[in-house]
Protein backbone atom coordinates (compact mmCIF):
# COMPACT_ATOMS: atom_id res chain seq x y z
CA MET A 1 101.42 95.66 101.59
CA THR A 2 98.23 95.09 99.33
CA ASP A 3 95.59 92.28 100.39
CA PHE A 4 92.23 90.95 98.90
CA VAL A 5 88.65 90.01 100.51
CA THR A 6 86.10 88.52 99.13
CA LEU A 7 82.52 90.40 99.84
CA PRO A 8 79.36 87.77 99.86
CA ALA A 9 76.65 87.99 97.08
CA THR A 10 73.67 90.50 98.36
CA VAL A 11 70.45 90.34 96.29
CA SER A 12 71.90 93.39 93.72
CA ARG A 13 75.13 91.71 93.08
CA ASP A 14 77.29 88.55 92.77
CA SER A 15 80.18 88.42 95.25
CA VAL A 16 83.38 90.74 94.40
CA THR A 17 87.03 90.72 95.60
CA VAL A 18 88.07 93.97 96.77
CA GLU A 19 92.07 95.00 96.67
CA TYR A 20 92.91 96.68 100.09
CA GLU A 21 96.10 98.24 101.85
CA TRP A 22 96.59 99.49 105.61
CA LEU A 23 98.67 102.68 105.48
CA ALA A 24 100.80 103.30 108.40
CA SER A 25 98.69 101.15 110.63
CA GLU A 26 98.87 102.16 114.46
CA GLY A 27 96.68 99.28 115.74
CA ARG A 28 93.43 97.62 115.80
CA ASP A 29 92.24 100.40 118.66
CA ALA A 30 93.39 103.10 116.59
CA PRO A 31 90.77 105.25 114.69
CA VAL A 32 90.14 104.44 110.54
CA VAL A 33 90.57 107.38 108.44
CA VAL A 34 89.31 105.66 105.06
CA PHE A 35 90.67 107.38 101.96
CA LEU A 36 88.57 107.51 98.97
CA HIS A 37 90.32 108.39 95.68
CA GLU A 38 88.91 109.54 92.07
CA GLY A 39 88.72 107.07 89.41
CA GLY A 40 88.83 102.95 90.72
CA ALA A 41 92.48 101.93 91.46
CA PRO A 42 94.85 103.29 93.95
CA ALA A 43 99.01 102.66 94.38
CA ALA A 44 97.98 98.65 94.86
CA SER A 45 97.14 98.98 90.86
CA GLY A 46 100.40 100.62 89.57
CA GLU A 47 99.54 104.06 91.17
CA ALA A 48 102.74 106.16 91.40
CA PRO A 49 103.78 106.61 95.35
CA ASP A 50 103.84 109.94 95.54
CA ASP A 51 100.30 110.19 93.81
CA TRP A 52 96.81 110.36 95.57
CA PRO A 53 95.77 108.56 98.14
CA MET A 54 99.04 106.53 98.86
CA ALA A 55 101.57 109.96 99.88
CA LEU A 56 98.79 111.94 101.01
CA GLY A 57 97.08 109.02 102.84
CA ARG A 58 100.71 107.77 104.65
CA ALA A 59 101.22 111.50 105.74
CA LEU A 60 97.70 112.19 106.84
CA THR A 61 97.57 108.97 108.71
CA ARG A 62 100.77 109.32 110.49
CA ALA A 63 100.07 112.77 111.85
CA LEU A 64 96.61 111.68 113.14
CA GLY A 65 98.08 108.53 114.83
CA MET A 66 95.11 106.99 112.73
CA ARG A 67 94.83 103.51 110.51
CA GLY A 68 94.52 104.40 107.05
CA LEU A 69 92.56 101.98 104.63
CA VAL A 70 92.50 102.44 100.63
CA HIS A 71 90.92 99.85 98.17
CA SER A 72 89.96 99.51 94.63
CA ARG A 73 86.77 99.53 93.71
CA PRO A 74 85.18 96.70 92.32
CA GLY A 75 85.96 96.76 88.49
CA SER A 76 89.25 98.45 89.16
CA GLY A 77 92.43 97.17 90.24
CA TRP A 78 93.10 93.53 89.76
CA PRO A 79 89.68 92.22 91.61
CA ALA A 80 86.56 90.69 90.06
CA THR A 81 84.41 93.31 88.34
CA LEU A 82 81.28 94.36 89.41
CA ARG A 83 78.97 92.54 87.20
CA ALA A 84 75.61 92.69 88.49
CA HIS A 85 73.62 96.01 87.57
CA PRO A 86 76.69 98.31 86.39
CA HIS A 87 74.05 100.61 84.57
CA PRO A 88 72.62 103.61 85.16
CA TRP A 89 76.10 105.46 86.06
CA PRO A 90 77.60 107.17 87.26
CA ILE A 91 75.84 108.21 90.63
CA ASP A 92 73.94 104.75 90.76
CA LEU A 93 77.81 103.20 91.00
CA LEU A 94 78.73 105.74 93.66
CA ARG A 95 76.00 104.95 95.70
CA GLN A 96 76.55 101.32 95.62
CA GLN A 97 80.09 102.12 96.00
CA ALA A 98 78.59 104.14 99.43
CA CYS A 99 76.22 101.82 101.16
CA ASP A 100 76.98 98.71 99.57
CA ILE A 101 80.83 97.64 98.70
CA LEU A 102 82.58 100.24 101.52
CA PRO A 103 80.28 98.99 104.15
CA GLY A 104 80.73 95.46 103.18
CA LEU A 105 84.87 96.22 103.21
CA LEU A 106 84.16 97.38 107.13
CA ASP A 107 82.19 94.28 107.58
CA ALA A 108 84.56 92.06 106.34
CA LEU A 109 87.61 93.92 107.89
CA ASP A 110 86.03 93.51 111.16
CA ILE A 111 85.43 97.44 111.89
CA ASP A 112 82.33 97.23 114.36
CA PRO A 113 80.09 99.93 114.89
CA ALA A 114 82.08 101.56 117.67
CA HIS A 115 84.78 101.99 115.53
CA ARG A 116 82.80 103.31 112.84
CA ARG A 117 81.52 105.98 114.79
CA ARG A 118 84.99 106.93 115.30
CA MET A 119 85.93 106.75 111.54
CA TRP A 120 86.63 109.12 109.17
CA ILE A 121 86.59 109.37 105.34
CA VAL A 122 89.06 111.48 103.22
CA GLY A 123 87.72 111.69 99.43
CA ALA A 124 88.66 113.61 96.32
CA ARG A 125 86.23 114.09 93.61
CA ASP A 126 84.64 110.54 93.17
CA GLY A 127 85.42 109.74 96.08
CA ALA A 128 84.38 113.19 97.57
CA THR A 129 80.54 112.11 96.38
CA ILE A 130 80.83 108.35 97.83
CA ALA A 131 81.92 110.09 101.09
CA LEU A 132 78.86 112.42 101.07
CA LEU A 133 76.70 109.42 99.81
CA TYR A 134 78.03 107.35 103.00
CA ALA A 135 77.20 110.31 105.35
CA ILE A 136 73.68 111.01 104.11
CA ALA A 137 73.41 107.17 104.48
CA TYR A 138 74.96 106.57 107.64
CA PRO A 139 74.69 110.01 109.46
CA GLU A 140 75.68 108.02 112.98
CA ALA A 141 77.98 105.61 111.97
CA LEU A 142 81.05 107.40 111.19
CA ALA A 143 82.87 111.04 112.61
CA GLY A 144 83.21 113.16 109.55
CA VAL A 145 84.32 113.93 106.22
CA ALA A 146 86.88 115.78 104.70
CA LEU A 147 86.24 117.03 100.93
CA ILE A 148 88.74 117.57 98.12
CA ALA A 149 86.71 119.13 95.14
CA PRO A 150 83.25 117.52 95.91
CA GLN A 151 80.27 117.18 93.49
CA VAL A 152 76.97 117.04 94.24
CA PHE A 153 74.73 117.25 90.87
CA ALA A 154 75.54 116.30 87.53
CA GLU A 155 78.10 118.82 85.24
CA PRO A 156 77.31 118.97 81.54
CA ALA A 157 80.94 119.21 80.45
CA ARG A 158 81.57 116.54 82.58
CA THR A 159 79.08 114.46 81.61
CA GLU A 160 80.29 114.93 77.94
CA ASP A 161 83.52 114.08 78.76
CA LEU A 162 81.76 110.38 80.43
CA LEU A 163 80.34 109.53 77.23
CA GLY A 164 83.33 110.57 75.00
CA ALA A 165 85.78 107.86 77.30
CA ARG A 166 82.70 105.33 76.79
CA ALA A 167 82.51 105.75 72.82
CA THR A 168 86.52 105.84 72.78
CA PHE A 169 86.27 102.63 75.12
CA GLU A 170 83.88 100.60 72.23
CA THR A 171 85.87 101.98 69.20
CA THR A 172 89.32 101.98 69.72
CA ASN A 173 91.82 99.69 71.56
CA LEU A 174 91.63 101.60 74.83
CA HIS A 175 90.17 98.21 76.70
CA LYS A 176 93.45 96.24 75.99
CA ARG A 177 95.52 99.20 77.25
CA LEU A 178 93.41 99.56 80.27
CA GLY A 179 93.70 95.43 81.12
CA ARG A 180 97.38 96.24 82.07
CA PHE A 181 96.02 97.85 85.22
CA HIS A 182 92.62 96.49 85.91
CA GLY A 183 92.62 93.06 84.15
CA ASP A 184 89.46 91.03 83.81
CA ALA A 185 87.50 93.89 85.20
CA VAL A 186 87.96 95.42 81.52
CA ALA A 187 87.61 92.71 79.42
CA THR A 188 84.57 91.82 81.21
CA HIS A 189 83.16 95.03 81.19
CA ASP A 190 79.33 95.06 80.10
CA ALA A 191 79.02 98.84 78.79
CA PRO A 192 76.09 99.82 76.65
CA PRO A 193 76.38 100.16 73.38
CA ALA A 194 78.50 104.00 72.77
CA GLN A 195 75.52 105.02 70.00
CA THR A 196 72.59 104.59 73.10
CA PRO A 197 71.22 107.31 75.16
CA PRO A 198 72.89 108.05 77.74
CA GLU A 199 70.52 106.98 81.25
CA PRO A 200 68.93 109.85 83.00
CA SER A 201 70.99 109.39 86.18
CA LEU A 202 73.92 110.22 84.30
CA VAL A 203 72.88 113.36 83.10
CA ASN A 204 70.38 114.59 85.82
CA TRP A 205 71.68 113.33 89.05
CA ASN A 206 71.61 115.81 92.21
CA LEU A 207 72.35 115.43 95.92
CA GLU A 208 70.92 118.42 96.96
CA GLY A 209 67.68 117.16 98.64
CA GLU A 210 69.34 114.47 100.39
CA LEU A 211 72.20 116.81 102.09
CA ASP A 212 70.06 117.54 105.10
CA ALA A 213 70.67 113.66 106.31
CA ILE A 214 74.69 114.74 106.71
CA ARG A 215 75.08 115.16 111.08
CA CYS A 216 78.84 114.89 111.07
CA PRO A 217 81.48 117.64 110.55
CA VAL A 218 81.97 118.19 106.83
CA LEU A 219 85.37 119.99 105.64
CA ALA A 220 84.59 121.09 102.40
CA LEU A 221 87.98 121.94 99.82
CA PRO A 222 87.76 123.95 96.81
CA ALA A 223 89.29 122.55 93.58
CA ASN A 224 92.38 124.04 92.43
CA ALA A 225 92.31 127.58 91.24
CA ASP A 226 91.64 126.85 87.09
CA GLU A 227 88.57 124.94 88.52
CA ASP A 228 87.12 126.97 90.82
CA GLU A 229 84.44 128.39 89.58
CA CYS A 230 83.23 125.08 88.21
CA PHE A 231 83.41 123.80 91.79
CA ALA A 232 82.30 126.80 93.56
CA ARG A 233 78.48 126.00 92.42
CA HIS A 234 79.02 122.63 94.56
CA LEU A 235 80.25 124.14 97.40
CA ASP A 236 77.78 126.25 97.52
CA ALA A 237 74.83 123.58 97.35
CA LEU A 238 76.44 122.09 100.38
CA ARG A 239 75.97 125.72 102.17
CA LEU A 240 72.54 125.98 101.12
CA HIS A 241 71.46 122.30 101.71
CA ALA A 242 74.02 120.59 104.47
CA THR A 243 72.89 122.55 107.54
CA ARG A 244 72.72 120.03 110.01
CA ALA A 245 75.95 119.22 109.16
CA ARG A 246 78.26 120.50 112.82
CA PRO A 247 80.22 122.07 111.79
CA LEU A 248 80.32 122.88 107.94
CA GLU A 249 83.64 124.06 107.07
CA ILE A 250 84.37 125.23 103.72
CA PRO A 251 87.72 127.43 103.12
CA PRO A 252 87.84 130.38 100.46
CA ALA A 253 90.38 129.47 98.71
CA PRO A 254 92.41 125.34 97.92
CA PRO A 255 95.25 125.18 99.88
CA ALA A 256 98.37 126.49 98.43
CA ASP A 257 100.27 122.89 98.07
CA ARG A 258 99.98 119.49 99.38
CA ASP A 259 101.85 120.25 102.91
CA ALA A 260 98.92 123.04 103.21
CA LEU A 261 96.73 120.62 102.34
CA ILE A 262 97.52 118.00 104.82
CA ASP A 263 97.36 121.07 107.66
CA THR A 264 94.08 122.21 106.83
CA ILE A 265 93.12 118.63 107.11
CA VAL A 266 94.87 117.47 110.45
CA ARG A 267 93.85 120.56 111.99
CA PHE A 268 89.75 120.25 111.25
CA ILE A 269 89.58 116.37 111.83
CA GLU A 270 91.79 117.19 115.35
CA ARG A 271 89.27 120.11 116.15
CA CYS A 272 86.46 117.75 115.85
CA THR A 273 87.49 114.65 117.87
CA PRO A 274 86.80 114.94 121.53
CA LEU A 275 89.94 113.85 123.28
CA SER A 276 87.88 110.79 124.58
CA GLN A 277 88.17 109.45 120.89
CA ASN A 278 91.91 109.90 120.33
């Protein structure tokens, strides 16, 4: 069952309402696992129940005996849009999710520092980047991260896709169609004109110089086979720069299917979780 919580205003943004859902809660004393998905809105905003992160999140939560948490990012789903300082993006926006919105949500849900030290984050694609940014900013405030197809620097092809999507939003009725799922967040979206030059952070962002701040266990899983070459560079960057992550595990090939993915993540988390924290 979904619910909403309002995060108070800060010096960099207005107050925002966040849509969230607990998955297979095992009780308030159980460790928390946060699922950060690609894009902004989980099943709470209309995703099919068999899609990520809901089905995978529920399966992992049950297997681990943890409390699973998913949430819609402000500006997605039905919560109020994140209006203050929405650009440059994406990396500034993702950093805001990691260093402001997620900690604010944890505060609002009374997840105290002791529980955060036992908390895991499982992120896919953009969600994996947010998980990395959280691990960089709060190296002592989580137990570990599991990353699916993480991205640690800008990819030219993806930048072109983002700019093309922005142009489509500005020149077609896409905003009306998206309004079915994202409400006022679409209607009030304050995007720059499509013809304006992209912000430097859109095309030049890079986390490699920050990865040595990570201290927690990191599992980084390759993307599916047809994306291996692209994401292999990001995994190589993690190997080279996340040298203080203990342990850092990068399997040589992506899991064969969803069951294998669940098994890989569960085994890693169980292996890295002291018995005293279970």
